Amino acid sequence: MEQKFYVASCVFTEESPQLSQRIQNYITDRFNMPIIRCCVANYKVEEFEQRMPEWYRDEWHNIKHYAQYPAGSTMVSLCHNCAAIFEERHPQINRLSLWELILSDNKFQYPNLHGERITIQDCWRSKENRAEQDAVREILRRMSVEIVELAENHEDTKFCGYSLYQHQPSRNAKLAPKRFVDGAKGLFVDHTQDEKRQLMEEYCAQILTDKVIAYCHYCIRGLKLGGKNAIHLAELLFN
């Protein structure tokens, strides 16, 4: 039987600990799936523990930081960095987005957004992952969302918030060079905060709906800096 495990994502959990906790509880209760915190062994273990809010710190500490799984296993993730690193470092491990996993759950209760028109933002870090993109849109349809597409979507998206306008963590370039070096020519160049804000505002000017949904925490940061009412898909599903 195929073994699946969930990577909770240090960065996502630091930004949204309550939301991450709810997702982890769902993963455990519904699928009885093991959870690890990070996609890399020994990466800033204590640093991320100390960044967690006090109420959650012990619980985060008790989650295994990293573990190796046999070939043919499947890592489940909502973090595109984690997925990219596994894709290049562990090609023998299959990858599945959280959204695809949710679609496999015939008992999942989707909220009803009553036909609201909402823009969907795809992410540069996962631009070739059509299975994930299709799953996101199917989830939105099941929530009765009228999806508004951007001109640059799917594999044509060039957006990942302002994360592409600053230096990236050195580990990303080392662990996933196809994505973060070869595929990132001209990106990850330092800009001032004012320059980032201007770039995000210019980008967000094309988004005409009241809300925009993204499924990447870096995209969310950039959309909010650009002045948009940006909502992570997980917020709609787990709040």
Protein backbone atom coordinates (compact mmCIF):
# COMPACT_ATOMS: atom_id res chain seq x y z
CA MET A 1 0.00 0.00 0.00
CA GLU A 2 1.33 3.42 -0.97
CA GLN A 3 2.55 5.42 2.00
CA LYS A 4 1.71 9.11 2.15
CA PHE A 5 3.16 11.73 4.48
CA TYR A 6 2.40 15.42 4.94
CA VAL A 7 4.99 18.21 5.04
CA ALA A 8 3.53 20.97 7.22
CA SER A 9 5.97 23.68 6.00
CA CYS A 10 7.97 25.71 8.50
CA VAL A 11 7.32 29.02 6.72
CA PHE A 12 3.59 28.51 6.23
CA THR A 13 3.17 27.35 9.83
CA GLU A 14 5.11 30.32 11.19
CA GLU A 15 2.82 32.69 9.27
CA SER A 16 -0.45 30.86 10.03
CA PRO A 17 0.01 28.55 13.02
CA GLN A 18 -3.68 28.11 13.82
CA LEU A 19 -4.52 27.37 10.20
CA SER A 20 -1.60 24.94 9.90
CA GLN A 21 -2.73 23.22 13.08
CA ARG A 22 -6.24 22.75 11.68
CA ILE A 23 -4.86 21.28 8.45
CA GLN A 24 -2.60 18.92 10.38
CA ASN A 25 -5.53 17.79 12.53
CA TYR A 26 -7.53 17.09 9.38
CA ILE A 27 -4.63 15.14 7.85
CA THR A 28 -4.28 13.05 11.00
CA ASP A 29 -7.98 12.48 11.68
CA ARG A 30 -9.09 11.80 8.12
CA PHE A 31 -6.07 9.99 6.67
CA ASN A 32 -4.02 8.89 9.70
CA MET A 33 -1.02 10.26 7.83
CA PRO A 34 2.39 10.93 9.42
CA ILE A 35 3.48 14.56 9.48
CA ILE A 36 6.91 16.11 9.25
CA ARG A 37 7.70 19.78 9.63
CA CYS A 38 10.29 20.44 6.95
CA CYS A 39 11.46 19.28 3.53
CA VAL A 40 15.15 19.39 4.59
CA ALA A 41 16.86 17.62 7.47
CA ASN A 42 18.26 19.85 10.23
CA TYR A 43 17.17 23.13 8.60
CA LYS A 44 16.82 25.91 11.20
CA VAL A 45 15.13 23.52 13.61
CA GLU A 46 15.45 25.56 16.80
CA GLU A 47 15.08 28.87 14.97
CA PHE A 48 11.64 27.98 13.63
CA GLU A 49 10.61 26.51 16.98
CA GLN A 50 11.37 29.82 18.67
CA ARG A 51 9.44 31.74 16.02
CA MET A 52 6.24 29.86 16.80
CA PRO A 53 3.80 31.50 19.22
CA GLU A 54 4.15 30.28 22.77
CA TRP A 55 0.79 28.46 22.75
CA TYR A 56 1.90 26.31 19.82
CA ARG A 57 5.63 25.93 20.44
CA ASP A 58 5.51 22.65 22.36
CA GLU A 59 3.15 21.05 19.86
CA TRP A 60 5.40 22.08 16.96
CA HIS A 61 8.44 20.80 18.84
CA ASN A 62 6.82 17.37 19.17
CA ILE A 63 6.27 16.99 15.42
CA LYS A 64 9.16 15.16 13.78
CA HIS A 65 11.27 17.69 11.90
CA TYR A 66 12.16 15.44 8.98
CA ALA A 67 12.08 11.76 8.04
CA GLN A 68 13.06 9.67 5.06
CA TYR A 69 10.42 7.58 3.30
CA PRO A 70 10.88 4.72 0.83
CA ALA A 71 10.75 5.06 -2.93
CA GLY A 72 7.20 5.15 -4.19
CA SER A 73 5.91 7.05 -1.17
CA THR A 74 3.96 10.26 -1.71
CA MET A 75 4.68 13.58 -0.06
CA VAL A 76 1.64 15.79 0.39
CA SER A 77 2.26 19.52 0.67
CA LEU A 78 0.75 22.96 0.31
CA CYS A 79 4.19 24.59 0.03
CA HIS A 80 5.66 24.97 -3.45
CA ASN A 81 9.20 25.26 -2.07
CA CYS A 82 8.84 21.90 -0.35
CA ALA A 83 7.44 20.35 -3.52
CA ALA A 84 10.22 21.78 -5.71
CA ILE A 85 12.93 20.55 -3.35
CA PHE A 86 11.43 17.07 -3.19
CA GLU A 87 11.05 17.00 -6.97
CA GLU A 88 14.77 17.56 -7.49
CA ARG A 89 16.25 15.96 -4.38
CA HIS A 90 13.95 12.94 -4.11
CA PRO A 91 12.60 12.06 -7.58
CA GLN A 92 11.73 8.59 -6.28
CA ILE A 93 9.08 10.18 -4.03
CA ASN A 94 5.75 11.10 -5.63
CA ARG A 95 4.23 14.53 -4.98
CA LEU A 96 0.62 15.43 -4.32
CA SER A 97 -0.81 18.83 -3.46
CA LEU A 98 -3.05 19.23 -0.44
CA TRP A 99 -5.82 20.30 -2.83
CA GLU A 100 -5.67 17.03 -4.77
CA LEU A 101 -5.81 15.13 -1.48
CA ILE A 102 -8.89 17.08 -0.39
CA LEU A 103 -10.64 16.24 -3.66
CA SER A 104 -10.09 12.55 -2.90
CA ASP A 105 -12.05 12.95 0.34
CA ASN A 106 -15.72 12.36 -0.45
CA LYS A 107 -16.68 13.46 3.06
CA PHE A 108 -15.08 16.90 2.89
CA GLN A 109 -17.52 19.71 3.64
CA TYR A 110 -16.98 22.64 1.29
CA PRO A 111 -18.17 26.12 2.28
CA ASN A 112 -20.70 27.75 -0.06
CA LEU A 113 -19.66 31.12 -1.50
CA HIS A 114 -22.95 31.50 -3.41
CA GLY A 115 -21.58 32.31 -6.85
CA GLU A 116 -19.20 35.08 -5.77
CA ARG A 117 -16.81 36.23 -8.50
CA ILE A 118 -13.22 35.77 -7.28
CA THR A 119 -9.92 35.99 -9.15
CA ILE A 120 -7.55 33.03 -8.94
CA GLN A 121 -3.78 33.61 -8.75
CA ASP A 122 -1.43 30.85 -9.90
CA CYS A 123 2.13 30.67 -8.62
CA TRP A 124 5.41 30.78 -10.53
CA ARG A 125 6.97 28.24 -8.15
CA SER A 126 4.46 25.63 -9.32
CA LYS A 127 3.57 26.91 -12.77
CA GLU A 128 3.93 23.56 -14.55
CA ASN A 129 1.84 21.64 -12.02
CA ARG A 130 -1.40 21.46 -13.97
CA ALA A 131 -2.82 18.76 -11.68
CA GLU A 132 -2.58 21.14 -8.72
CA GLN A 133 -3.98 24.06 -10.71
CA ASP A 134 -6.93 21.98 -11.90
CA ALA A 135 -7.57 20.74 -8.35
CA VAL A 136 -7.65 24.32 -7.04
CA ARG A 137 -10.23 25.30 -9.64
CA GLU A 138 -12.35 22.24 -8.98
CA ILE A 139 -12.36 23.07 -5.26
CA LEU A 140 -13.49 26.61 -6.07
CA ARG A 141 -16.27 25.27 -8.25
CA ARG A 142 -17.39 23.01 -5.41
CA MET A 143 -17.53 26.13 -3.25
CA SER A 144 -19.82 27.76 -5.85
CA VAL A 145 -17.20 30.36 -6.82
CA GLU A 146 -17.38 32.06 -10.21
CA ILE A 147 -13.71 31.90 -11.16
CA VAL A 148 -12.09 34.92 -12.81
CA GLU A 149 -8.88 34.07 -14.65
CA LEU A 150 -5.91 36.38 -15.15
CA ALA A 151 -4.31 36.82 -18.56
CA GLU A 152 -1.14 35.12 -17.28
CA ASN A 153 -2.28 31.94 -15.60
CA HIS A 154 -1.31 28.27 -15.42
CA GLU A 155 2.15 27.76 -16.97
CA ASP A 156 2.30 31.40 -18.11
CA THR A 157 2.21 32.93 -14.65
CA LYS A 158 5.25 34.95 -13.61
CA PHE A 159 3.98 35.88 -10.17
CA CYS A 160 5.12 34.87 -6.73
CA GLY A 161 4.55 38.07 -4.82
CA TYR A 162 7.58 40.18 -4.04
CA SER A 163 9.62 37.06 -3.23
CA LEU A 164 11.05 37.24 -6.75
CA TYR A 165 12.28 40.79 -6.11
CA GLN A 166 14.67 39.93 -3.29
CA HIS A 167 17.43 37.41 -2.64
CA GLN A 168 16.18 33.91 -2.05
CA PRO A 169 17.42 31.59 0.72
CA SER A 170 20.69 30.04 -0.42
CA ARG A 171 19.40 26.55 0.34
CA ASN A 172 16.75 26.80 -2.39
CA ALA A 173 19.31 27.40 -5.13
CA LYS A 174 21.44 24.53 -3.84
CA LEU A 175 18.63 22.02 -3.37
CA ALA A 176 16.48 22.82 -6.41
CA PRO A 177 18.73 24.48 -9.01
CA LYS A 178 16.49 23.63 -11.96
CA ARG A 179 13.69 25.69 -10.45
CA PHE A 180 15.55 28.37 -8.55
CA VAL A 181 18.66 28.91 -10.71
CA ASP A 182 18.19 27.63 -14.26
CA GLY A 183 14.52 28.57 -14.32
CA ALA A 184 14.93 31.87 -12.51
CA LYS A 185 17.06 33.99 -14.81
CA GLY A 186 16.67 37.66 -13.92
CA LEU A 187 14.73 36.88 -10.75
CA PHE A 188 15.64 37.08 -7.06
CA VAL A 189 17.31 40.48 -7.42
CA ASP A 190 17.14 42.87 -4.48
CA HIS A 191 14.64 45.73 -4.63
CA THR A 192 13.80 48.35 -2.03
CA GLN A 193 10.55 48.09 -0.08
CA ASP A 194 9.13 51.03 -2.06
CA GLU A 195 10.06 49.34 -5.33
CA LYS A 196 8.40 46.11 -4.19
CA ARG A 197 5.23 47.95 -3.23
CA GLN A 198 5.11 49.75 -6.57
CA LEU A 199 5.62 46.50 -8.48
CA MET A 200 2.87 44.79 -6.49
CA GLU A 201 0.46 47.71 -6.92
CA GLU A 202 1.08 47.74 -10.66
CA TYR A 203 0.48 44.01 -10.86
CA CYS A 204 -2.65 44.12 -8.72
CA ALA A 205 -4.22 46.85 -10.85
CA GLN A 206 -5.39 44.13 -13.28
CA ILE A 207 -7.37 42.32 -10.54
CA LEU A 208 -10.88 43.75 -10.70
CA THR A 209 -12.75 41.48 -8.28
CA ASP A 210 -13.12 42.30 -4.60
CA LYS A 211 -11.24 39.17 -3.57
CA VAL A 212 -8.35 37.18 -5.00
CA ILE A 213 -7.53 33.63 -3.94
CA ALA A 214 -4.01 32.24 -3.99
CA TYR A 215 -2.56 28.97 -2.76
CA CYS A 216 0.96 30.15 -2.00
CA HIS A 217 1.99 32.13 1.07
CA TYR A 218 4.48 34.20 -0.94
CA CYS A 219 1.79 35.12 -3.46
CA ILE A 220 -0.49 36.18 -0.59
CA ARG A 221 2.18 38.48 0.83
CA GLY A 222 2.65 40.21 -2.51
CA LEU A 223 -1.06 40.59 -3.25
CA LYS A 224 -1.64 42.15 0.15
CA LEU A 225 1.29 44.51 -0.32
CA GLY A 226 -0.32 45.53 -3.61
CA GLY A 227 -3.50 46.45 -1.75
CA LYS A 228 -5.71 43.48 -2.60
CA ASN A 229 -8.05 41.49 -0.38
CA ALA A 230 -6.03 38.28 -0.79
CA ILE A 231 -7.16 35.03 0.81
CA HIS A 232 -5.24 31.78 1.02
CA LEU A 233 -7.34 28.89 -0.27
CA ALA A 234 -6.68 27.01 2.95
CA GLU A 235 -8.35 29.82 4.91
CA LEU A 236 -11.59 29.27 3.04
CA LEU A 237 -11.45 25.52 3.54
CA PHE A 238 -10.33 25.28 7.18
CA ASN A 239 -11.51 28.44 8.93
